[in-house]
Amino acid sequence: MDTITLSQARITGTQINYLFICTRKLWLFSHHIEMEHTSDYVAMGELLHEESFAREKKDIQIDDMIRIDFIDKDGVLHDVKSSQTMELAHSTQLLYYLYVLKQKGLPNRIGVINYPRQRRKTEVELTSEKEKEVESAIKNVTEIVSLPIPPKAEFNKLCKTCSYMELCWS
């Protein structure tokens, strides 16, 4: 990154994820308006996370920025998700984890998104092209979070199950 370092930006994997889901949700979450604790979908996702891959060491936290679900014996990062609906958000979040580790001198290049309910997994690789995409995402998150007010609500199909729905649409 050119003008701002990762440690200065303090961007979390969740923020990268929300960038691709809803910029309003990103802004609200980043300004400590957190509604996830009220969501049954979030609770189900946490349960799926706990029950999947029970033998793996889970929840590796790094600098309060990223939380890796687990790393397998080959050093591959794994992220467990409940649905493929937001696959771009999921893959960019995992690429961000790989990017952060690379910045810290741990050059893992491969990650896997596990969708246990669908019995499917998707592999992502941090290439130089993907690094540029991650850097662009970091810049976009920083710009959105620095706005004085949240972006205007824009309805999409994910709003129906979003924990912020009442806040945006009531």
N, C-alpha and C. Protein backbone atom coordinates (compact mmCIF):
# COMPACT_ATOMS: atom_id res chain seq x y z
N MET A 1 0.84 -1.18 0.00
CA MET A 1 0.00 0.00 0.00
C MET A 1 0.88 1.24 0.00
N ASP A 2 0.47 2.27 -0.70
CA ASP A 2 1.31 3.44 -0.86
C ASP A 2 1.27 4.38 0.35
N THR A 3 0.12 5.00 0.59
CA THR A 3 0.07 6.12 1.52
C THR A 3 -0.25 5.73 2.96
N ILE A 4 -0.80 4.59 3.19
CA ILE A 4 -1.19 4.20 4.53
C ILE A 4 -0.79 2.75 4.77
N THR A 5 -0.18 2.48 5.91
CA THR A 5 0.24 1.11 6.19
C THR A 5 -0.93 0.32 6.76
N LEU A 6 -0.81 -1.00 6.73
CA LEU A 6 -1.85 -1.85 7.28
C LEU A 6 -2.10 -1.55 8.75
N SER A 7 -1.03 -1.36 9.52
CA SER A 7 -1.21 -1.10 10.95
C SER A 7 -1.90 0.24 11.19
N GLN A 8 -1.70 1.20 10.30
CA GLN A 8 -2.39 2.47 10.43
C GLN A 8 -3.86 2.32 10.05
N ALA A 9 -4.13 1.53 9.04
CA ALA A 9 -5.50 1.37 8.55
C ALA A 9 -6.36 0.60 9.54
N ARG A 10 -5.79 -0.41 10.22
CA ARG A 10 -6.50 -1.24 11.19
C ARG A 10 -7.81 -1.79 10.62
N ILE A 11 -7.75 -2.27 9.41
CA ILE A 11 -8.93 -2.82 8.74
C ILE A 11 -9.05 -4.30 9.08
N THR A 12 -10.26 -4.71 9.39
CA THR A 12 -10.51 -6.11 9.73
C THR A 12 -10.99 -6.88 8.51
N GLY A 13 -10.92 -8.19 8.61
CA GLY A 13 -11.45 -9.05 7.56
C GLY A 13 -12.94 -8.84 7.37
N THR A 14 -13.65 -8.60 8.46
CA THR A 14 -15.10 -8.34 8.38
C THR A 14 -15.37 -7.10 7.56
N GLN A 15 -14.57 -6.07 7.73
CA GLN A 15 -14.77 -4.84 6.95
C GLN A 15 -14.54 -5.09 5.46
N ILE A 16 -13.53 -5.87 5.13
CA ILE A 16 -13.30 -6.22 3.72
C ILE A 16 -14.51 -6.98 3.18
N ASN A 17 -15.02 -7.91 3.96
CA ASN A 17 -16.20 -8.69 3.57
C ASN A 17 -17.39 -7.76 3.33
N TYR A 18 -17.66 -6.86 4.26
CA TYR A 18 -18.82 -5.98 4.15
C TYR A 18 -18.71 -5.02 2.97
N LEU A 19 -17.51 -4.68 2.56
CA LEU A 19 -17.33 -3.82 1.39
C LEU A 19 -18.06 -4.39 0.18
N PHE A 20 -18.05 -5.70 0.05
CA PHE A 20 -18.66 -6.35 -1.11
C PHE A 20 -20.12 -6.73 -0.88
N ILE A 21 -20.60 -6.56 0.33
CA ILE A 21 -21.99 -6.88 0.64
C ILE A 21 -22.83 -5.61 0.63
N CYS A 22 -22.37 -4.60 1.40
CA CYS A 22 -23.14 -3.36 1.52
C CYS A 22 -22.27 -2.29 2.16
N THR A 23 -22.07 -1.18 1.47
CA THR A 23 -21.20 -0.13 2.00
C THR A 23 -21.82 0.55 3.23
N ARG A 24 -23.14 0.58 3.29
CA ARG A 24 -23.80 1.15 4.48
C ARG A 24 -23.53 0.27 5.70
N LYS A 25 -23.66 -1.04 5.52
CA LYS A 25 -23.36 -1.98 6.61
C LYS A 25 -21.90 -1.83 7.05
N LEU A 26 -21.00 -1.69 6.10
CA LEU A 26 -19.59 -1.47 6.39
C LEU A 26 -19.41 -0.23 7.26
N TRP A 27 -20.02 0.87 6.87
CA TRP A 27 -19.88 2.13 7.61
C TRP A 27 -20.45 1.98 9.02
N LEU A 28 -21.66 1.43 9.13
CA LEU A 28 -22.29 1.28 10.45
C LEU A 28 -21.45 0.39 11.37
N PHE A 29 -21.02 -0.74 10.86
CA PHE A 29 -20.19 -1.66 11.64
C PHE A 29 -18.89 -0.98 12.08
N SER A 30 -18.28 -0.25 11.18
CA SER A 30 -17.00 0.41 11.45
C SER A 30 -17.13 1.54 12.46
N HIS A 31 -18.34 2.06 12.61
CA HIS A 31 -18.60 3.11 13.60
C HIS A 31 -19.27 2.53 14.85
N HIS A 32 -19.02 1.27 15.08
CA HIS A 32 -19.43 0.55 16.30
C HIS A 32 -20.94 0.48 16.49
N ILE A 33 -21.67 0.48 15.39
CA ILE A 33 -23.10 0.19 15.42
C ILE A 33 -23.21 -1.25 14.95
N GLU A 34 -23.14 -2.15 15.90
CA GLU A 34 -23.05 -3.57 15.59
C GLU A 34 -24.37 -4.27 15.92
N MET A 35 -24.95 -4.87 14.92
CA MET A 35 -26.26 -5.52 15.07
C MET A 35 -26.18 -7.04 14.98
N GLU A 36 -25.00 -7.58 14.72
CA GLU A 36 -24.87 -9.01 14.49
C GLU A 36 -25.37 -9.84 15.67
N HIS A 37 -25.26 -9.32 16.88
CA HIS A 37 -25.69 -10.07 18.06
C HIS A 37 -27.19 -10.34 18.06
N THR A 38 -27.96 -9.64 17.21
CA THR A 38 -29.40 -9.83 17.14
C THR A 38 -29.81 -10.79 16.01
N SER A 39 -28.84 -11.28 15.26
CA SER A 39 -29.14 -12.05 14.06
C SER A 39 -29.11 -13.56 14.28
N ASP A 40 -30.21 -14.22 13.94
CA ASP A 40 -30.24 -15.69 13.99
C ASP A 40 -29.29 -16.28 12.95
N TYR A 41 -29.13 -15.61 11.82
CA TYR A 41 -28.23 -16.11 10.77
C TYR A 41 -26.78 -16.12 11.25
N VAL A 42 -26.40 -15.08 11.99
CA VAL A 42 -25.04 -15.02 12.54
C VAL A 42 -24.86 -16.13 13.56
N ALA A 43 -25.88 -16.35 14.41
CA ALA A 43 -25.80 -17.41 15.42
C ALA A 43 -25.67 -18.79 14.75
N MET A 44 -26.43 -19.01 13.67
CA MET A 44 -26.32 -20.29 12.95
C MET A 44 -24.94 -20.45 12.33
N GLY A 45 -24.38 -19.37 11.80
CA GLY A 45 -23.04 -19.41 11.22
C GLY A 45 -21.99 -19.74 12.26
N GLU A 46 -22.14 -19.18 13.46
CA GLU A 46 -21.19 -19.47 14.54
C GLU A 46 -21.27 -20.93 14.97
N LEU A 47 -22.49 -21.46 15.01
CA LEU A 47 -22.68 -22.87 15.36
C LEU A 47 -22.05 -23.77 14.30
N LEU A 48 -22.26 -23.46 13.03
CA LEU A 48 -21.65 -24.22 11.94
C LEU A 48 -20.13 -24.18 12.06
N HIS A 49 -19.61 -23.01 12.37
CA HIS A 49 -18.16 -22.84 12.52
C HIS A 49 -17.63 -23.72 13.65
N GLU A 50 -18.33 -23.77 14.78
CA GLU A 50 -17.89 -24.57 15.92
C GLU A 50 -17.94 -26.06 15.62
N GLU A 51 -18.97 -26.49 14.90
CA GLU A 51 -19.16 -27.93 14.66
C GLU A 51 -18.34 -28.46 13.49
N SER A 52 -17.96 -27.62 12.57
CA SER A 52 -17.20 -28.06 11.40
C SER A 52 -15.73 -28.15 11.75
N PHE A 53 -15.07 -29.15 11.22
CA PHE A 53 -13.63 -29.30 11.38
C PHE A 53 -13.24 -29.29 12.86
N ALA A 54 -13.94 -30.10 13.64
CA ALA A 54 -13.78 -30.12 15.10
C ALA A 54 -12.36 -30.43 15.55
N ARG A 55 -11.61 -31.17 14.75
CA ARG A 55 -10.25 -31.55 15.16
C ARG A 55 -9.21 -30.47 14.90
N GLU A 56 -9.57 -29.45 14.17
CA GLU A 56 -8.61 -28.40 13.82
C GLU A 56 -8.54 -27.34 14.91
N LYS A 57 -7.35 -26.77 15.11
CA LYS A 57 -7.20 -25.62 16.01
C LYS A 57 -7.83 -24.42 15.30
N LYS A 58 -8.76 -23.78 15.98
CA LYS A 58 -9.54 -22.74 15.31
C LYS A 58 -9.28 -21.35 15.88
N ASP A 59 -9.75 -20.38 15.13
CA ASP A 59 -9.76 -18.98 15.55
C ASP A 59 -8.38 -18.45 15.90
N ILE A 60 -7.56 -18.33 14.90
CA ILE A 60 -6.23 -17.76 15.06
C ILE A 60 -6.36 -16.26 14.80
N GLN A 61 -6.22 -15.47 15.85
CA GLN A 61 -6.40 -14.02 15.79
C GLN A 61 -5.05 -13.34 15.60
N ILE A 62 -4.98 -12.39 14.68
CA ILE A 62 -3.74 -11.66 14.43
C ILE A 62 -4.02 -10.16 14.47
N ASP A 63 -3.42 -9.50 15.44
CA ASP A 63 -3.49 -8.03 15.59
C ASP A 63 -4.91 -7.47 15.61
N ASP A 64 -5.87 -8.23 16.05
CA ASP A 64 -7.27 -7.78 16.04
C ASP A 64 -7.74 -7.34 14.66
N MET A 65 -7.03 -7.79 13.62
CA MET A 65 -7.39 -7.42 12.25
C MET A 65 -7.99 -8.61 11.51
N ILE A 66 -7.40 -9.77 11.70
CA ILE A 66 -7.90 -10.95 10.99
C ILE A 66 -8.09 -12.09 11.97
N ARG A 67 -9.07 -12.94 11.66
CA ARG A 67 -9.33 -14.14 12.45
C ARG A 67 -9.44 -15.31 11.49
N ILE A 68 -8.39 -16.10 11.47
CA ILE A 68 -8.32 -17.25 10.58
C ILE A 68 -9.04 -18.41 11.25
N ASP A 69 -9.94 -19.06 10.52
CA ASP A 69 -10.68 -20.16 11.11
C ASP A 69 -9.76 -21.31 11.48
N PHE A 70 -8.93 -21.75 10.54
CA PHE A 70 -7.89 -22.72 10.89
C PHE A 70 -6.86 -22.81 9.77
N ILE A 71 -5.69 -23.35 10.13
CA ILE A 71 -4.61 -23.58 9.17
C ILE A 71 -4.34 -25.08 9.19
N ASP A 72 -4.37 -25.71 8.02
CA ASP A 72 -4.17 -27.17 7.98
C ASP A 72 -2.69 -27.52 8.09
N LYS A 73 -2.41 -28.82 8.11
CA LYS A 73 -1.03 -29.31 8.30
C LYS A 73 -0.09 -28.87 7.18
N ASP A 74 -0.64 -28.50 6.02
CA ASP A 74 0.18 -28.04 4.90
C ASP A 74 0.36 -26.52 4.90
N GLY A 75 -0.17 -25.84 5.91
CA GLY A 75 -0.04 -24.39 6.01
C GLY A 75 -1.06 -23.62 5.20
N VAL A 76 -2.11 -24.29 4.73
CA VAL A 76 -3.16 -23.64 3.95
C VAL A 76 -4.19 -23.03 4.91
N LEU A 77 -4.52 -21.75 4.69
CA LEU A 77 -5.53 -21.08 5.49
C LEU A 77 -6.91 -21.55 5.07
N HIS A 78 -7.79 -21.73 6.06
CA HIS A 78 -9.16 -22.13 5.78
C HIS A 78 -10.12 -21.16 6.44
N ASP A 79 -11.18 -20.82 5.71
CA ASP A 79 -12.25 -19.99 6.23
C ASP A 79 -13.54 -20.77 6.04
N VAL A 80 -14.35 -20.88 7.07
CA VAL A 80 -15.59 -21.65 7.02
C VAL A 80 -16.76 -20.68 6.87
N LYS A 81 -17.58 -20.91 5.86
CA LYS A 81 -18.73 -20.06 5.59
C LYS A 81 -19.97 -20.94 5.43
N SER A 82 -21.14 -20.37 5.70
CA SER A 82 -22.37 -21.17 5.66
C SER A 82 -23.00 -21.23 4.27
N SER A 83 -22.73 -20.24 3.42
CA SER A 83 -23.40 -20.19 2.12
C SER A 83 -22.49 -19.54 1.09
N GLN A 84 -22.66 -19.93 -0.15
CA GLN A 84 -21.88 -19.37 -1.26
C GLN A 84 -22.47 -18.06 -1.79
N THR A 85 -23.56 -17.61 -1.22
CA THR A 85 -24.27 -16.44 -1.74
C THR A 85 -23.35 -15.24 -1.93
N MET A 86 -22.41 -15.06 -1.01
CA MET A 86 -21.53 -13.89 -1.05
C MET A 86 -20.10 -14.30 -1.34
N GLU A 87 -19.91 -15.13 -2.35
CA GLU A 87 -18.60 -15.74 -2.62
C GLU A 87 -17.51 -14.70 -2.91
N LEU A 88 -17.83 -13.63 -3.61
CA LEU A 88 -16.82 -12.60 -3.87
C LEU A 88 -16.35 -11.97 -2.56
N ALA A 89 -17.28 -11.68 -1.66
CA ALA A 89 -16.92 -11.12 -0.35
C ALA A 89 -16.06 -12.11 0.42
N HIS A 90 -16.42 -13.38 0.38
CA HIS A 90 -15.66 -14.41 1.09
C HIS A 90 -14.25 -14.55 0.53
N SER A 91 -14.13 -14.62 -0.79
CA SER A 91 -12.81 -14.82 -1.39
C SER A 91 -11.91 -13.61 -1.16
N THR A 92 -12.47 -12.40 -1.24
CA THR A 92 -11.65 -11.21 -1.01
C THR A 92 -11.22 -11.13 0.45
N GLN A 93 -12.09 -11.53 1.36
CA GLN A 93 -11.73 -11.55 2.78
C GLN A 93 -10.56 -12.50 3.02
N LEU A 94 -10.62 -13.69 2.43
CA LEU A 94 -9.53 -14.66 2.61
C LEU A 94 -8.25 -14.17 1.92
N LEU A 95 -8.38 -13.55 0.77
CA LEU A 95 -7.20 -12.95 0.11
C LEU A 95 -6.59 -11.86 0.99
N TYR A 96 -7.43 -11.11 1.67
CA TYR A 96 -6.93 -10.09 2.61
C TYR A 96 -6.13 -10.74 3.73
N TYR A 97 -6.61 -11.86 4.26
CA TYR A 97 -5.86 -12.58 5.30
C TYR A 97 -4.48 -12.97 4.77
N LEU A 98 -4.44 -13.52 3.57
CA LEU A 98 -3.16 -13.91 2.96
C LEU A 98 -2.26 -12.69 2.77
N TYR A 99 -2.86 -11.58 2.37
CA TYR A 99 -2.11 -10.33 2.16
C TYR A 99 -1.50 -9.84 3.48
N VAL A 100 -2.30 -9.84 4.54
CA VAL A 100 -1.80 -9.40 5.85
C VAL A 100 -0.65 -10.29 6.30
N LEU A 101 -0.80 -11.60 6.14
CA LEU A 101 0.28 -12.51 6.53
C LEU A 101 1.54 -12.25 5.71
N LYS A 102 1.37 -11.98 4.43
CA LYS A 102 2.54 -11.68 3.59
C LYS A 102 3.24 -10.42 4.08
N GLN A 103 2.47 -9.40 4.45
CA GLN A 103 3.05 -8.16 4.97
C GLN A 103 3.82 -8.41 6.26
N LYS A 104 3.46 -9.45 6.98
CA LYS A 104 4.12 -9.79 8.23
C LYS A 104 5.26 -10.79 8.03
N GLY A 105 5.56 -11.11 6.76
CA GLY A 105 6.67 -12.01 6.46
C GLY A 105 6.31 -13.48 6.44
N LEU A 106 5.02 -13.78 6.41
CA LEU A 106 4.54 -15.17 6.34
C LEU A 106 3.85 -15.36 5.00
N PRO A 107 4.60 -15.74 3.99
CA PRO A 107 4.07 -15.71 2.62
C PRO A 107 3.18 -16.91 2.24
N ASN A 108 2.11 -17.14 3.01
CA ASN A 108 1.12 -18.14 2.58
C ASN A 108 0.46 -17.58 1.33
N ARG A 109 0.30 -18.39 0.32
CA ARG A 109 -0.30 -17.90 -0.93
C ARG A 109 -1.64 -18.53 -1.22
N ILE A 110 -1.94 -19.62 -0.52
CA ILE A 110 -3.15 -20.38 -0.83
C ILE A 110 -4.09 -20.37 0.37
N GLY A 111 -5.37 -20.22 0.07
CA GLY A 111 -6.41 -20.31 1.09
C GLY A 111 -7.58 -21.09 0.53
N VAL A 112 -8.39 -21.65 1.41
CA VAL A 112 -9.56 -22.42 1.00
C VAL A 112 -10.77 -21.92 1.78
N ILE A 113 -11.85 -21.65 1.06
CA ILE A 113 -13.12 -21.32 1.69
C ILE A 113 -13.92 -22.62 1.72
N ASN A 114 -14.31 -23.03 2.92
CA ASN A 114 -15.08 -24.26 3.10
C ASN A 114 -16.55 -23.92 3.30
N TYR A 115 -17.40 -24.58 2.52
CA TYR A 115 -18.84 -24.45 2.65
C TYR A 115 -19.37 -25.82 3.08
N PRO A 116 -19.32 -26.14 4.38
CA PRO A 116 -19.65 -27.50 4.83
C PRO A 116 -21.08 -27.93 4.50
N ARG A 117 -22.04 -27.00 4.56
CA ARG A 117 -23.43 -27.39 4.28
C ARG A 117 -23.61 -27.82 2.83
N GLN A 118 -22.83 -27.24 1.92
CA GLN A 118 -22.91 -27.61 0.50
C GLN A 118 -21.86 -28.66 0.15
N ARG A 119 -21.02 -29.00 1.11
CA ARG A 119 -19.91 -29.94 0.88
C ARG A 119 -19.07 -29.50 -0.31
N ARG A 120 -18.72 -28.23 -0.27
CA ARG A 120 -17.97 -27.62 -1.36
C ARG A 120 -16.86 -26.76 -0.78
N LYS A 121 -15.80 -26.62 -1.54
CA LYS A 121 -14.75 -25.69 -1.13
C LYS A 121 -14.22 -24.98 -2.36
N THR A 122 -13.71 -23.77 -2.12
CA THR A 122 -13.17 -22.94 -3.18
C THR A 122 -11.76 -22.52 -2.78
N GLU A 123 -10.81 -22.72 -3.68
CA GLU A 123 -9.43 -22.33 -3.41
C GLU A 123 -9.18 -20.94 -3.96
N VAL A 124 -8.44 -20.14 -3.19
CA VAL A 124 -8.02 -18.82 -3.65
C VAL A 124 -6.50 -18.73 -3.54
N GLU A 125 -5.90 -17.97 -4.45
CA GLU A 125 -4.45 -17.80 -4.44
C GLU A 125 -4.13 -16.32 -4.51
N LEU A 126 -3.21 -15.88 -3.67
CA LEU A 126 -2.78 -14.49 -3.65
C LEU A 126 -1.72 -14.27 -4.72
N THR A 127 -2.17 -13.88 -5.90
CA THR A 127 -1.26 -13.54 -7.00
C THR A 127 -0.97 -12.04 -6.93
N SER A 128 -0.06 -11.56 -7.76
CA SER A 128 0.22 -10.11 -7.77
C SER A 128 -1.02 -9.33 -8.21
N GLU A 129 -1.80 -9.89 -9.12
CA GLU A 129 -3.04 -9.24 -9.55
C GLU A 129 -4.04 -9.17 -8.40
N LYS A 130 -4.16 -10.26 -7.66
CA LYS A 130 -5.09 -10.29 -6.51
C LYS A 130 -4.61 -9.35 -5.40
N GLU A 131 -3.30 -9.20 -5.25
CA GLU A 131 -2.77 -8.25 -4.26
C GLU A 131 -3.24 -6.83 -4.58
N LYS A 132 -3.22 -6.47 -5.86
CA LYS A 132 -3.68 -5.14 -6.27
C LYS A 132 -5.17 -4.98 -5.96
N GLU A 133 -5.95 -6.04 -6.16
CA GLU A 133 -7.38 -5.99 -5.84
C GLU A 133 -7.58 -5.79 -4.33
N VAL A 134 -6.79 -6.48 -3.53
CA VAL A 134 -6.88 -6.33 -2.08
C VAL A 134 -6.50 -4.91 -1.67
N GLU A 135 -5.44 -4.38 -2.25
CA GLU A 135 -5.03 -3.00 -1.94
C GLU A 135 -6.11 -2.00 -2.32
N SER A 136 -6.78 -2.24 -3.43
CA SER A 136 -7.89 -1.39 -3.84
C SER A 136 -9.04 -1.50 -2.83
N ALA A 137 -9.32 -2.70 -2.37
CA ALA A 137 -10.38 -2.91 -1.37
C ALA A 137 -10.03 -2.18 -0.07
N ILE A 138 -8.78 -2.26 0.35
CA ILE A 138 -8.35 -1.57 1.57
C ILE A 138 -8.57 -0.06 1.42
N LYS A 139 -8.20 0.47 0.27
CA LYS A 139 -8.38 1.90 0.00
C LYS A 139 -9.87 2.26 0.03
N ASN A 140 -10.71 1.43 -0.59
CA ASN A 140 -12.15 1.70 -0.61
C ASN A 140 -12.75 1.65 0.79
N VAL A 141 -12.35 0.67 1.59
CA VAL A 141 -12.84 0.58 2.97
C VAL A 141 -12.46 1.85 3.73
N THR A 142 -11.21 2.25 3.60
CA THR A 142 -10.72 3.45 4.30
C THR A 142 -11.54 4.68 3.91
N GLU A 143 -11.83 4.82 2.63
CA GLU A 143 -12.60 5.97 2.15
C GLU A 143 -14.03 5.95 2.69
N ILE A 144 -14.67 4.79 2.66
CA ILE A 144 -16.06 4.69 3.13
C ILE A 144 -16.15 4.94 4.63
N VAL A 145 -15.24 4.35 5.38
CA VAL A 145 -15.26 4.50 6.84
C VAL A 145 -15.02 5.96 7.24
N SER A 146 -14.26 6.69 6.45
CA SER A 146 -13.95 8.09 6.79
C SER A 146 -15.07 9.06 6.43
N LEU A 147 -16.13 8.59 5.77
CA LEU A 147 -17.26 9.46 5.45
C LEU A 147 -17.91 9.96 6.74
N PRO A 148 -18.41 11.21 6.75
CA PRO A 148 -19.02 11.74 7.97
C PRO A 148 -20.39 11.12 8.31
N ILE A 149 -21.08 10.64 7.30
CA ILE A 149 -22.37 9.97 7.50
C ILE A 149 -22.37 8.68 6.68
N PRO A 150 -23.25 7.73 7.02
CA PRO A 150 -23.25 6.47 6.27
C PRO A 150 -23.75 6.66 4.84
N PRO A 151 -23.27 5.81 3.93
CA PRO A 151 -23.80 5.84 2.57
C PRO A 151 -25.31 5.57 2.59
N LYS A 152 -25.98 6.05 1.58
CA LYS A 152 -27.42 5.84 1.43
C LYS A 152 -27.72 4.35 1.34
N ALA A 153 -28.81 3.94 1.96
CA ALA A 153 -29.23 2.54 1.88
C ALA A 153 -29.67 2.23 0.45
N GLU A 154 -29.18 1.11 -0.06
CA GLU A 154 -29.57 0.64 -1.39
C GLU A 154 -30.05 -0.79 -1.23
N PHE A 155 -31.31 -1.03 -1.54
CA PHE A 155 -31.90 -2.35 -1.31
C PHE A 155 -31.31 -3.38 -2.27
N ASN A 156 -30.95 -4.53 -1.72
CA ASN A 156 -30.59 -5.68 -2.54
C ASN A 156 -31.14 -6.93 -1.86
N LYS A 157 -31.03 -8.06 -2.50
CA LYS A 157 -31.67 -9.28 -2.00
C LYS A 157 -31.13 -9.70 -0.63
N LEU A 158 -29.92 -9.28 -0.29
CA LEU A 158 -29.34 -9.64 1.01
C LEU A 158 -29.97 -8.86 2.16
N CYS A 159 -30.63 -7.75 1.86
CA CYS A 159 -31.25 -6.93 2.91
C CYS A 159 -32.27 -7.73 3.72
N LYS A 160 -32.94 -8.67 3.08
CA LYS A 160 -34.00 -9.43 3.75
C LYS A 160 -33.50 -10.20 4.96
N THR A 161 -32.25 -10.62 4.94
CA THR A 161 -31.71 -11.41 6.05
C THR A 161 -30.63 -10.65 6.83
N CYS A 162 -30.45 -9.38 6.54
CA CYS A 162 -29.39 -8.59 7.16
C CYS A 162 -29.79 -8.16 8.58
N SER A 163 -28.83 -8.24 9.49
CA SER A 163 -29.09 -7.82 10.86
C SER A 163 -29.31 -6.30 10.98
N TYR A 164 -28.96 -5.55 9.95
CA TYR A 164 -29.14 -4.10 9.95
C TYR A 164 -30.43 -3.67 9.25
N MET A 165 -31.24 -4.61 8.79
CA MET A 165 -32.40 -4.29 7.96
C MET A 165 -33.32 -3.25 8.61
N GLU A 166 -33.69 -3.45 9.85
CA GLU A 166 -34.60 -2.51 10.50
C GLU A 166 -33.98 -1.12 10.62
N LEU A 167 -32.70 -1.07 10.84
CA LEU A 167 -32.01 0.22 10.97
C LEU A 167 -32.04 0.98 9.64
N CYS A 168 -31.93 0.26 8.55
CA CYS A 168 -31.89 0.91 7.23
C CYS A 168 -33.27 1.19 6.65
N TRP A 169 -34.24 0.32 6.93
CA TRP A 169 -35.50 0.38 6.19
C TRP A 169 -36.73 0.67 7.05
N SER A 170 -36.57 1.05 8.31
CA SER A 170 -37.77 1.36 9.11
C SER A 170 -38.02 2.85 9.16
